[in-house]
All heavy atoms as atom14 arrays in JSON, in Angstrom:
{
  "sequence": "GREQREYILKNCVDSVRDNYDFVIIDCPPSLNMLTVNAMTTADTVLVP",
  "atom14_mask": [
    [1, 1, 1, 1, 0, 0, 0, 0, 0, 0, 0, 0, 0, 0],
    [1, 1, 1, 1, 1, 1, 1, 1, 1, 1, 1, 0, 0, 0],
    [1, 1, 1, 1, 1, 1, 1, 1, 1, 0, 0, 0, 0, 0],
    [1, 1, 1, 1, 1, 1, 1, 1, 1, 0, 0, 0, 0, 0],
    [1, 1, 1, 1, 1, 1, 1, 1, 1, 1, 1, 0, 0, 0],
    [1, 1, 1, 1, 1, 1, 1, 1, 1, 0, 0, 0, 0, 0],
    [1, 1, 1, 1, 1, 1, 1, 1, 1, 1, 1, 1, 0, 0],
    [1, 1, 1, 1, 1, 1, 1, 1, 0, 0, 0, 0, 0, 0],
    [1, 1, 1, 1, 1, 1, 1, 1, 0, 0, 0, 0, 0, 0],
    [1, 1, 1, 1, 1, 1, 1, 1, 1, 0, 0, 0, 0, 0],
    [1, 1, 1, 1, 1, 1, 1, 1, 0, 0, 0, 0, 0, 0],
    [1, 1, 1, 1, 1, 1, 0, 0, 0, 0, 0, 0, 0, 0],
    [1, 1, 1, 1, 1, 1, 1, 0, 0, 0, 0, 0, 0, 0],
    [1, 1, 1, 1, 1, 1, 1, 1, 0, 0, 0, 0, 0, 0],
    [1, 1, 1, 1, 1, 1, 0, 0, 0, 0, 0, 0, 0, 0],
    [1, 1, 1, 1, 1, 1, 1, 0, 0, 0, 0, 0, 0, 0],
    [1, 1, 1, 1, 1, 1, 1, 1, 1, 1, 1, 0, 0, 0],
    [1, 1, 1, 1, 1, 1, 1, 1, 0, 0, 0, 0, 0, 0],
    [1, 1, 1, 1, 1, 1, 1, 1, 0, 0, 0, 0, 0, 0],
    [1, 1, 1, 1, 1, 1, 1, 1, 1, 1, 1, 1, 0, 0],
    [1, 1, 1, 1, 1, 1, 1, 1, 0, 0, 0, 0, 0, 0],
    [1, 1, 1, 1, 1, 1, 1, 1, 1, 1, 1, 0, 0, 0],
    [1, 1, 1, 1, 1, 1, 1, 0, 0, 0, 0, 0, 0, 0],
    [1, 1, 1, 1, 1, 1, 1, 1, 0, 0, 0, 0, 0, 0],
    [1, 1, 1, 1, 1, 1, 1, 1, 0, 0, 0, 0, 0, 0],
    [1, 1, 1, 1, 1, 1, 1, 1, 0, 0, 0, 0, 0, 0],
    [1, 1, 1, 1, 1, 1, 0, 0, 0, 0, 0, 0, 0, 0],
    [1, 1, 1, 1, 1, 1, 1, 0, 0, 0, 0, 0, 0, 0],
    [1, 1, 1, 1, 1, 1, 1, 0, 0, 0, 0, 0, 0, 0],
    [1, 1, 1, 1, 1, 1, 0, 0, 0, 0, 0, 0, 0, 0],
    [1, 1, 1, 1, 1, 1, 1, 1, 0, 0, 0, 0, 0, 0],
    [1, 1, 1, 1, 1, 1, 1, 1, 0, 0, 0, 0, 0, 0],
    [1, 1, 1, 1, 1, 1, 1, 1, 0, 0, 0, 0, 0, 0],
    [1, 1, 1, 1, 1, 1, 1, 1, 0, 0, 0, 0, 0, 0],
    [1, 1, 1, 1, 1, 1, 1, 0, 0, 0, 0, 0, 0, 0],
    [1, 1, 1, 1, 1, 1, 1, 0, 0, 0, 0, 0, 0, 0],
    [1, 1, 1, 1, 1, 1, 1, 1, 0, 0, 0, 0, 0, 0],
    [1, 1, 1, 1, 1, 0, 0, 0, 0, 0, 0, 0, 0, 0],
    [1, 1, 1, 1, 1, 1, 1, 1, 0, 0, 0, 0, 0, 0],
    [1, 1, 1, 1, 1, 1, 1, 0, 0, 0, 0, 0, 0, 0],
    [1, 1, 1, 1, 1, 1, 1, 0, 0, 0, 0, 0, 0, 0],
    [1, 1, 1, 1, 1, 0, 0, 0, 0, 0, 0, 0, 0, 0],
    [1, 1, 1, 1, 1, 1, 1, 1, 0, 0, 0, 0, 0, 0],
    [1, 1, 1, 1, 1, 1, 1, 0, 0, 0, 0, 0, 0, 0],
    [1, 1, 1, 1, 1, 1, 1, 0, 0, 0, 0, 0, 0, 0],
    [1, 1, 1, 1, 1, 1, 1, 1, 0, 0, 0, 0, 0, 0],
    [1, 1, 1, 1, 1, 1, 1, 0, 0, 0, 0, 0, 0, 0],
    [1, 1, 1, 1, 1, 1, 1, 0, 0, 0, 0, 0, 0, 0]
  ],
  "atom14_positions": [
    [[86.11, 103.2, 105.96], [85.35, 102.53, 104.9], [86.0, 102.56, 103.53], [85.48, 101.94, 102.59], [0.0, 0.0, 0.0], [0.0, 0.0, 0.0], [0.0, 0.0, 0.0], [0.0, 0.0, 0.0], [0.0, 0.0, 0.0], [0.0, 0.0, 0.0], [0.0, 0.0, 0.0], [0.0, 0.0, 0.0], [0.0, 0.0, 0.0], [0.0, 0.0, 0.0]],
    [[87.11, 103.29, 103.4], [87.78, 103.33, 102.09], [88.47, 101.99, 101.81], [89.12, 101.44, 102.68], [88.84, 104.44, 102.05], [88.33, 105.83, 101.76], [88.15, 106.15, 100.29], [89.4, 106.24, 99.55], [90.16, 107.34, 99.49], [89.83, 108.42, 100.16], [91.26, 107.33, 98.77], [0.0, 0.0, 0.0], [0.0, 0.0, 0.0], [0.0, 0.0, 0.0]],
    [[88.31, 101.5, 100.59], [89.01, 100.27, 100.18], [90.52, 100.52, 100.23], [90.99, 101.58, 99.83], [88.61, 99.93, 98.74], [87.19, 99.46, 98.58], [87.12, 97.96, 98.38], [87.99, 97.42, 97.7], [86.19, 97.35, 98.96], [0.0, 0.0, 0.0], [0.0, 0.0, 0.0], [0.0, 0.0, 0.0], [0.0, 0.0, 0.0], [0.0, 0.0, 0.0]],
    [[91.24, 99.53, 100.69], [92.71, 99.59, 100.66], [93.24, 100.88, 101.28], [94.23, 101.47, 100.82], [93.21, 99.48, 99.2], [92.85, 98.18, 98.5], [93.86, 97.08, 98.81], [95.01, 97.16, 98.46], [93.39, 96.03, 99.5], [0.0, 0.0, 0.0], [0.0, 0.0, 0.0], [0.0, 0.0, 0.0], [0.0, 0.0, 0.0], [0.0, 0.0, 0.0]],
    [[92.61, 101.33, 102.35], [92.95, 102.64, 102.91], [94.36, 102.69, 103.46], [94.94, 103.76, 103.61], [91.94, 103.06, 103.98], [91.88, 102.14, 105.17], [90.74, 102.5, 106.1], [90.75, 101.61, 107.26], [90.41, 101.98, 108.48], [90.06, 103.23, 108.71], [90.42, 101.14, 109.47], [0.0, 0.0, 0.0], [0.0, 0.0, 0.0], [0.0, 0.0, 0.0]],
    [[94.93, 101.52, 103.8], [96.3, 101.5, 104.33], [97.34, 101.81, 103.25], [98.49, 102.07, 103.55], [96.63, 100.13, 104.94], [95.76, 99.75, 106.11], [94.49, 99.0, 105.69], [94.24, 98.85, 104.48], [93.76, 98.57, 106.59], [0.0, 0.0, 0.0], [0.0, 0.0, 0.0], [0.0, 0.0, 0.0], [0.0, 0.0, 0.0], [0.0, 0.0, 0.0]],
    [[96.92, 101.73, 101.98], [97.87, 101.86, 100.87], [97.72, 103.16, 100.06], [98.32, 103.3, 99.01], [97.73, 100.67, 99.91], [98.07, 99.34, 100.54], [97.07, 98.48, 100.95], [99.4, 98.96, 100.73], [97.38, 97.24, 101.53], [99.72, 97.74, 101.31], [98.71, 96.89, 101.71], [99.03, 95.68, 102.29], [0.0, 0.0, 0.0], [0.0, 0.0, 0.0]],
    [[96.9, 104.08, 100.55], [96.62, 105.29, 99.76], [97.9, 106.1, 99.51], [98.19, 106.5, 98.39], [95.52, 106.15, 100.43], [94.18, 105.41, 100.36], [95.4, 107.52, 99.74], [93.09, 106.01, 101.21], [0.0, 0.0, 0.0], [0.0, 0.0, 0.0], [0.0, 0.0, 0.0], [0.0, 0.0, 0.0], [0.0, 0.0, 0.0], [0.0, 0.0, 0.0]],
    [[98.67, 106.33, 100.57], [99.91, 107.1, 100.42], [100.89, 106.36, 99.51], [101.49, 106.95, 98.62], [100.54, 107.37, 101.79], [101.8, 108.25, 101.79], [101.47, 109.67, 101.34], [102.45, 108.28, 103.17], [0.0, 0.0, 0.0], [0.0, 0.0, 0.0], [0.0, 0.0, 0.0], [0.0, 0.0, 0.0], [0.0, 0.0, 0.0], [0.0, 0.0, 0.0]],
    [[101.02, 105.06, 99.73], [101.95, 104.25, 98.92], [101.61, 104.35, 97.44], [102.49, 104.55, 96.59], [101.89, 102.79, 99.37], [102.76, 101.87, 98.5], [102.68, 100.43, 98.96], [103.3, 99.47, 97.97], [104.7, 99.79, 97.62], [0.0, 0.0, 0.0], [0.0, 0.0, 0.0], [0.0, 0.0, 0.0], [0.0, 0.0, 0.0], [0.0, 0.0, 0.0]],
    [[100.32, 104.23, 97.11], [99.91, 104.27, 95.7], [100.25, 105.62, 95.06], [100.6, 105.68, 93.88], [98.42, 103.96, 95.56], [98.11, 102.52, 95.95], [98.98, 101.67, 95.9], [96.87, 102.26, 96.35], [0.0, 0.0, 0.0], [0.0, 0.0, 0.0], [0.0, 0.0, 0.0], [0.0, 0.0, 0.0], [0.0, 0.0, 0.0], [0.0, 0.0, 0.0]],
    [[100.15, 106.69, 95.84], [100.5, 108.03, 95.33], [102.02, 108.16, 95.15], [102.5, 108.62, 94.12], [100.02, 109.12, 96.28], [98.23, 109.24, 96.42], [0.0, 0.0, 0.0], [0.0, 0.0, 0.0], [0.0, 0.0, 0.0], [0.0, 0.0, 0.0], [0.0, 0.0, 0.0], [0.0, 0.0, 0.0], [0.0, 0.0, 0.0], [0.0, 0.0, 0.0]],
    [[102.76, 107.73, 96.17], [104.21, 107.95, 96.19], [104.94, 107.05, 95.18], [105.96, 107.44, 94.61], [104.76, 107.76, 97.63], [106.29, 107.8, 97.65], [104.19, 108.84, 98.56], [0.0, 0.0, 0.0], [0.0, 0.0, 0.0], [0.0, 0.0, 0.0], [0.0, 0.0, 0.0], [0.0, 0.0, 0.0], [0.0, 0.0, 0.0], [0.0, 0.0, 0.0]],
    [[104.41, 105.84, 94.97], [105.06, 104.91, 94.03], [105.29, 105.52, 92.65], [106.26, 105.2, 91.98], [104.24, 103.62, 93.9], [104.56, 102.62, 95.0], [105.49, 102.9, 95.8], [103.9, 101.56, 95.07], [0.0, 0.0, 0.0], [0.0, 0.0, 0.0], [0.0, 0.0, 0.0], [0.0, 0.0, 0.0], [0.0, 0.0, 0.0], [0.0, 0.0, 0.0]],
    [[104.4, 106.42, 92.26], [104.51, 107.0, 90.91], [105.66, 107.99, 90.77], [106.09, 108.3, 89.66], [103.19, 107.69, 90.51], [102.95, 108.8, 91.36], [0.0, 0.0, 0.0], [0.0, 0.0, 0.0], [0.0, 0.0, 0.0], [0.0, 0.0, 0.0], [0.0, 0.0, 0.0], [0.0, 0.0, 0.0], [0.0, 0.0, 0.0], [0.0, 0.0, 0.0]],
    [[106.17, 108.49, 91.9], [107.26, 109.49, 91.82], [108.54, 109.05, 92.53], [109.56, 109.73, 92.43], [106.84, 110.88, 92.4], [105.64, 111.44, 91.66], [106.57, 110.81, 93.9], [0.0, 0.0, 0.0], [0.0, 0.0, 0.0], [0.0, 0.0, 0.0], [0.0, 0.0, 0.0], [0.0, 0.0, 0.0], [0.0, 0.0, 0.0], [0.0, 0.0, 0.0]],
    [[108.52, 107.92, 93.25], [109.66, 107.6, 94.12], [110.98, 107.49, 93.36], [112.03, 107.81, 93.89], [109.39, 106.34, 94.96], [109.38, 105.03, 94.2], [109.27, 103.83, 95.16], [110.5, 103.6, 95.9], [110.61, 102.73, 96.9], [109.55, 102.01, 97.28], [111.75, 102.55, 97.53], [0.0, 0.0, 0.0], [0.0, 0.0, 0.0], [0.0, 0.0, 0.0]],
    [[110.91, 107.04, 92.12], [112.15, 106.86, 91.36], [112.8, 108.18, 90.94], [113.93, 108.19, 90.44], [111.89, 105.98, 90.12], [111.63, 104.53, 90.52], [112.0, 104.15, 91.65], [111.03, 103.78, 89.74], [0.0, 0.0, 0.0], [0.0, 0.0, 0.0], [0.0, 0.0, 0.0], [0.0, 0.0, 0.0], [0.0, 0.0, 0.0], [0.0, 0.0, 0.0]],
    [[112.11, 109.3, 91.16], [112.7, 110.61, 90.87], [113.64, 111.07, 91.99], [114.29, 112.1, 91.87], [111.6, 111.68, 90.71], [110.62, 111.34, 89.61], [110.92, 110.51, 88.76], [109.45, 111.97, 89.62], [0.0, 0.0, 0.0], [0.0, 0.0, 0.0], [0.0, 0.0, 0.0], [0.0, 0.0, 0.0], [0.0, 0.0, 0.0], [0.0, 0.0, 0.0]],
    [[113.66, 110.3, 93.09], [114.41, 110.73, 94.27], [115.36, 109.63, 94.76], [115.11, 108.45, 94.55], [113.44, 111.1, 95.42], [112.47, 112.18, 95.01], [111.21, 111.86, 94.52], [112.84, 113.52, 95.04], [110.33, 112.85, 94.09], [111.97, 114.51, 94.62], [110.72, 114.18, 94.15], [109.86, 115.15, 93.72], [0.0, 0.0, 0.0], [0.0, 0.0, 0.0]],
    [[116.42, 110.05, 95.43], [117.31, 109.1, 96.09], [116.73, 108.7, 97.45], [116.83, 107.55, 97.86], [118.7, 109.71, 96.3], [119.36, 110.1, 94.99], [119.42, 109.24, 94.08], [119.77, 111.28, 94.86], [0.0, 0.0, 0.0], [0.0, 0.0, 0.0], [0.0, 0.0, 0.0], [0.0, 0.0, 0.0], [0.0, 0.0, 0.0], [0.0, 0.0, 0.0]],
    [[116.14, 109.69, 98.12], [115.56, 109.44, 99.45], [114.19, 110.08, 99.55], [113.99, 111.2, 99.08], [116.44, 110.02, 100.56], [117.72, 109.27, 100.79], [118.88, 109.64, 100.12], [117.76, 108.19, 101.65], [120.07, 108.94, 100.31], [118.94, 107.49, 101.85], [120.1, 107.85, 101.18], [0.0, 0.0, 0.0], [0.0, 0.0, 0.0], [0.0, 0.0, 0.0]],
    [[113.27, 109.37, 100.18], [111.97, 109.95, 100.57], [111.9, 109.83, 102.09], [112.05, 108.75, 102.64], [110.8, 109.19, 99.91], [109.46, 109.79, 100.36], [110.92, 109.2, 98.38], [0.0, 0.0, 0.0], [0.0, 0.0, 0.0], [0.0, 0.0, 0.0], [0.0, 0.0, 0.0], [0.0, 0.0, 0.0], [0.0, 0.0, 0.0], [0.0, 0.0, 0.0]],
    [[111.74, 110.98, 102.75], [111.67, 111.02, 104.22], [110.24, 111.38, 104.61], [109.71, 112.4, 104.15], [112.65, 112.07, 104.8], [114.09, 111.83, 104.31], [112.56, 112.1, 106.33], [114.76, 110.59, 104.84], [0.0, 0.0, 0.0], [0.0, 0.0, 0.0], [0.0, 0.0, 0.0], [0.0, 0.0, 0.0], [0.0, 0.0, 0.0], [0.0, 0.0, 0.0]],
    [[109.61, 110.55, 105.45], [108.22, 110.81, 105.85], [108.18, 111.18, 107.33], [108.61, 110.39, 108.2], [107.32, 109.56, 105.63], [107.47, 109.02, 104.19], [105.86, 109.91, 105.92], [106.7, 107.71, 103.94], [0.0, 0.0, 0.0], [0.0, 0.0, 0.0], [0.0, 0.0, 0.0], [0.0, 0.0, 0.0], [0.0, 0.0, 0.0], [0.0, 0.0, 0.0]],
    [[107.67, 112.38, 107.62], [107.51, 112.81, 109.01], [106.13, 112.39, 109.49], [105.11, 112.89, 109.02], [107.65, 114.35, 109.11], [107.61, 114.83, 110.55], [108.09, 114.09, 111.43], [107.11, 115.94, 110.8], [0.0, 0.0, 0.0], [0.0, 0.0, 0.0], [0.0, 0.0, 0.0], [0.0, 0.0, 0.0], [0.0, 0.0, 0.0], [0.0, 0.0, 0.0]],
    [[106.1, 111.42, 110.42], [104.83, 110.85, 110.89], [104.24, 111.66, 112.04], [104.96, 112.33, 112.77], [105.05, 109.42, 111.36], [105.61, 108.31, 110.05], [0.0, 0.0, 0.0], [0.0, 0.0, 0.0], [0.0, 0.0, 0.0], [0.0, 0.0, 0.0], [0.0, 0.0, 0.0], [0.0, 0.0, 0.0], [0.0, 0.0, 0.0], [0.0, 0.0, 0.0]],
    [[102.92, 111.54, 112.25], [102.31, 112.19, 113.43], [102.71, 111.46, 114.7], [103.11, 110.28, 114.65], [100.8, 112.04, 113.18], [100.64, 110.97, 112.17], [101.92, 110.87, 111.39], [0.0, 0.0, 0.0], [0.0, 0.0, 0.0], [0.0, 0.0, 0.0], [0.0, 0.0, 0.0], [0.0, 0.0, 0.0], [0.0, 0.0, 0.0], [0.0, 0.0, 0.0]],
    [[102.62, 112.12, 115.86], [103.02, 111.48, 117.12], [101.92, 110.56, 117.68], [101.47, 110.71, 118.8], [103.28, 112.67, 118.05], [102.39, 113.74, 117.52], [102.27, 113.53, 116.04], [0.0, 0.0, 0.0], [0.0, 0.0, 0.0], [0.0, 0.0, 0.0], [0.0, 0.0, 0.0], [0.0, 0.0, 0.0], [0.0, 0.0, 0.0], [0.0, 0.0, 0.0]],
    [[101.47, 109.62, 116.85], [100.47, 108.63, 117.3], [100.51, 107.47, 116.32], [100.97, 107.63, 115.19], [99.07, 109.25, 117.32], [98.74, 109.75, 116.05], [0.0, 0.0, 0.0], [0.0, 0.0, 0.0], [0.0, 0.0, 0.0], [0.0, 0.0, 0.0], [0.0, 0.0, 0.0], [0.0, 0.0, 0.0], [0.0, 0.0, 0.0], [0.0, 0.0, 0.0]],
    [[100.0, 106.32, 116.77], [100.01, 105.15, 115.89], [98.63, 105.04, 115.22], [97.85, 104.14, 115.49], [100.34, 103.9, 116.71], [101.73, 103.89, 117.35], [101.94, 102.65, 118.19], [102.83, 104.01, 116.3], [0.0, 0.0, 0.0], [0.0, 0.0, 0.0], [0.0, 0.0, 0.0], [0.0, 0.0, 0.0], [0.0, 0.0, 0.0], [0.0, 0.0, 0.0]],
    [[98.34, 105.99, 114.33], [97.03, 106.02, 113.69], [97.13, 105.6, 112.22], [98.17, 105.13, 111.76], [96.4, 107.41, 113.83], [97.25, 108.5, 113.18], [98.16, 108.22, 112.4], [96.95, 109.75, 113.49], [0.0, 0.0, 0.0], [0.0, 0.0, 0.0], [0.0, 0.0, 0.0], [0.0, 0.0, 0.0], [0.0, 0.0, 0.0], [0.0, 0.0, 0.0]],
    [[96.04, 105.8, 111.47], [96.01, 105.35, 110.08], [97.02, 106.11, 109.21], [97.54, 105.56, 108.24], [94.58, 105.54, 109.52], [94.36, 104.95, 108.13], [94.97, 103.26, 107.88], [93.93, 102.37, 109.01], [0.0, 0.0, 0.0], [0.0, 0.0, 0.0], [0.0, 0.0, 0.0], [0.0, 0.0, 0.0], [0.0, 0.0, 0.0], [0.0, 0.0, 0.0]],
    [[97.35, 107.35, 109.56], [98.36, 108.09, 108.81], [99.74, 107.45, 108.99], [100.5, 107.28, 108.05], [98.41, 109.57, 109.25], [97.2, 110.42, 108.87], [97.25, 111.77, 109.58], [97.1, 110.62, 107.36], [0.0, 0.0, 0.0], [0.0, 0.0, 0.0], [0.0, 0.0, 0.0], [0.0, 0.0, 0.0], [0.0, 0.0, 0.0], [0.0, 0.0, 0.0]],
    [[100.04, 107.05, 110.24], [101.32, 106.39, 110.52], [101.38, 105.04, 109.82], [102.41, 104.66, 109.25], [101.52, 106.22, 112.04], [101.45, 107.51, 112.65], [102.87, 105.6, 112.36], [0.0, 0.0, 0.0], [0.0, 0.0, 0.0], [0.0, 0.0, 0.0], [0.0, 0.0, 0.0], [0.0, 0.0, 0.0], [0.0, 0.0, 0.0], [0.0, 0.0, 0.0]],
    [[100.26, 104.3, 109.83], [100.2, 103.01, 109.12], [100.44, 103.22, 107.63], [101.18, 102.47, 106.99], [98.85, 102.3, 109.39], [98.67, 101.09, 108.46], [98.77, 101.85, 110.85], [0.0, 0.0, 0.0], [0.0, 0.0, 0.0], [0.0, 0.0, 0.0], [0.0, 0.0, 0.0], [0.0, 0.0, 0.0], [0.0, 0.0, 0.0], [0.0, 0.0, 0.0]],
    [[99.84, 104.27, 107.06], [100.08, 104.59, 105.64], [101.55, 104.86, 105.38], [102.1, 104.45, 104.36], [99.24, 105.81, 105.22], [97.97, 105.42, 104.5], [97.94, 105.26, 103.28], [96.91, 105.23, 105.26], [0.0, 0.0, 0.0], [0.0, 0.0, 0.0], [0.0, 0.0, 0.0], [0.0, 0.0, 0.0], [0.0, 0.0, 0.0], [0.0, 0.0, 0.0]],
    [[102.19, 105.58, 106.31], [103.63, 105.85, 106.15], [104.42, 104.55, 106.17], [105.35, 104.37, 105.38], [104.11, 106.77, 107.27], [0.0, 0.0, 0.0], [0.0, 0.0, 0.0], [0.0, 0.0, 0.0], [0.0, 0.0, 0.0], [0.0, 0.0, 0.0], [0.0, 0.0, 0.0], [0.0, 0.0, 0.0], [0.0, 0.0, 0.0], [0.0, 0.0, 0.0]],
    [[104.04, 103.64, 107.04], [104.78, 102.38, 107.18], [104.55, 101.43, 106.0], [105.42, 100.62, 105.69], [104.43, 101.7, 108.51], [105.01, 102.42, 109.71], [104.67, 101.52, 111.24], [105.3, 102.69, 112.46], [0.0, 0.0, 0.0], [0.0, 0.0, 0.0], [0.0, 0.0, 0.0], [0.0, 0.0, 0.0], [0.0, 0.0, 0.0], [0.0, 0.0, 0.0]],
    [[103.38, 101.5, 105.39], [103.17, 100.65, 104.19], [103.92, 101.24, 102.99], [104.29, 100.52, 102.08], [101.68, 100.52, 103.84], [101.1, 101.81, 103.73], [100.92, 99.71, 104.86], [0.0, 0.0, 0.0], [0.0, 0.0, 0.0], [0.0, 0.0, 0.0], [0.0, 0.0, 0.0], [0.0, 0.0, 0.0], [0.0, 0.0, 0.0], [0.0, 0.0, 0.0]],
    [[104.18, 102.54, 103.03], [104.9, 103.21, 101.95], [106.4, 103.01, 102.09], [107.13, 102.9, 101.1], [104.6, 104.73, 101.97], [103.18, 104.92, 101.96], [105.2, 105.45, 100.78], [0.0, 0.0, 0.0], [0.0, 0.0, 0.0], [0.0, 0.0, 0.0], [0.0, 0.0, 0.0], [0.0, 0.0, 0.0], [0.0, 0.0, 0.0], [0.0, 0.0, 0.0]],
    [[106.86, 102.98, 103.34], [108.31, 103.03, 103.64], [109.01, 101.69, 103.43], [108.39, 100.63, 103.45], [108.51, 103.5, 105.07], [0.0, 0.0, 0.0], [0.0, 0.0, 0.0], [0.0, 0.0, 0.0], [0.0, 0.0, 0.0], [0.0, 0.0, 0.0], [0.0, 0.0, 0.0], [0.0, 0.0, 0.0], [0.0, 0.0, 0.0], [0.0, 0.0, 0.0]],
    [[110.32, 101.78, 103.24], [111.18, 100.59, 103.26], [111.65, 100.33, 104.69], [111.81, 99.19, 105.1], [112.42, 100.81, 102.37], [112.05, 101.17, 100.94], [111.19, 100.48, 100.37], [112.6, 102.15, 100.41], [0.0, 0.0, 0.0], [0.0, 0.0, 0.0], [0.0, 0.0, 0.0], [0.0, 0.0, 0.0], [0.0, 0.0, 0.0], [0.0, 0.0, 0.0]],
    [[111.88, 101.43, 105.42], [112.4, 101.31, 106.79], [111.78, 102.37, 107.7], [111.25, 103.38, 107.22], [113.94, 101.48, 106.84], [114.27, 102.76, 106.3], [114.66, 100.4, 106.07], [0.0, 0.0, 0.0], [0.0, 0.0, 0.0], [0.0, 0.0, 0.0], [0.0, 0.0, 0.0], [0.0, 0.0, 0.0], [0.0, 0.0, 0.0], [0.0, 0.0, 0.0]],
    [[111.87, 102.11, 109.01], [111.4, 103.08, 110.01], [112.58, 103.49, 110.88], [113.29, 102.64, 111.42], [110.29, 102.48, 110.9], [109.8, 103.51, 111.91], [109.12, 101.98, 110.06], [0.0, 0.0, 0.0], [0.0, 0.0, 0.0], [0.0, 0.0, 0.0], [0.0, 0.0, 0.0], [0.0, 0.0, 0.0], [0.0, 0.0, 0.0], [0.0, 0.0, 0.0]],
    [[112.8, 104.8, 110.98], [113.84, 105.35, 111.85], [113.15, 105.96, 113.07], [112.22, 106.75, 112.92], [114.64, 106.42, 111.1], [115.75, 107.14, 111.86], [116.85, 106.19, 112.29], [116.35, 108.26, 111.02], [0.0, 0.0, 0.0], [0.0, 0.0, 0.0], [0.0, 0.0, 0.0], [0.0, 0.0, 0.0], [0.0, 0.0, 0.0], [0.0, 0.0, 0.0]],
    [[113.61, 105.57, 114.25], [112.95, 105.99, 115.48], [113.86, 106.93, 116.28], [114.89, 106.5, 116.79], [112.58, 104.77, 116.36], [111.83, 105.22, 117.62], [111.75, 103.77, 115.56], [0.0, 0.0, 0.0], [0.0, 0.0, 0.0], [0.0, 0.0, 0.0], [0.0, 0.0, 0.0], [0.0, 0.0, 0.0], [0.0, 0.0, 0.0], [0.0, 0.0, 0.0]],
    [[113.48, 108.21, 116.4], [114.23, 109.1, 117.29], [113.82, 108.84, 118.74], [112.64, 108.69, 119.03], [113.79, 110.51, 116.87], [112.84, 110.34, 115.73], [112.38, 108.92, 115.74], [0.0, 0.0, 0.0], [0.0, 0.0, 0.0], [0.0, 0.0, 0.0], [0.0, 0.0, 0.0], [0.0, 0.0, 0.0], [0.0, 0.0, 0.0], [0.0, 0.0, 0.0]]
  ]
}
């Protein structure tokens, strides 16, 4: 029920991303809302 819930992580990270060369996000082993948040935040997805 949260508005724009897919973008919560992105909105937080956008404020600090320029302080870093790389941001690495370790996702949970499922395709849930946390993983979706990671993907809306990320530029790319690396799959082991």
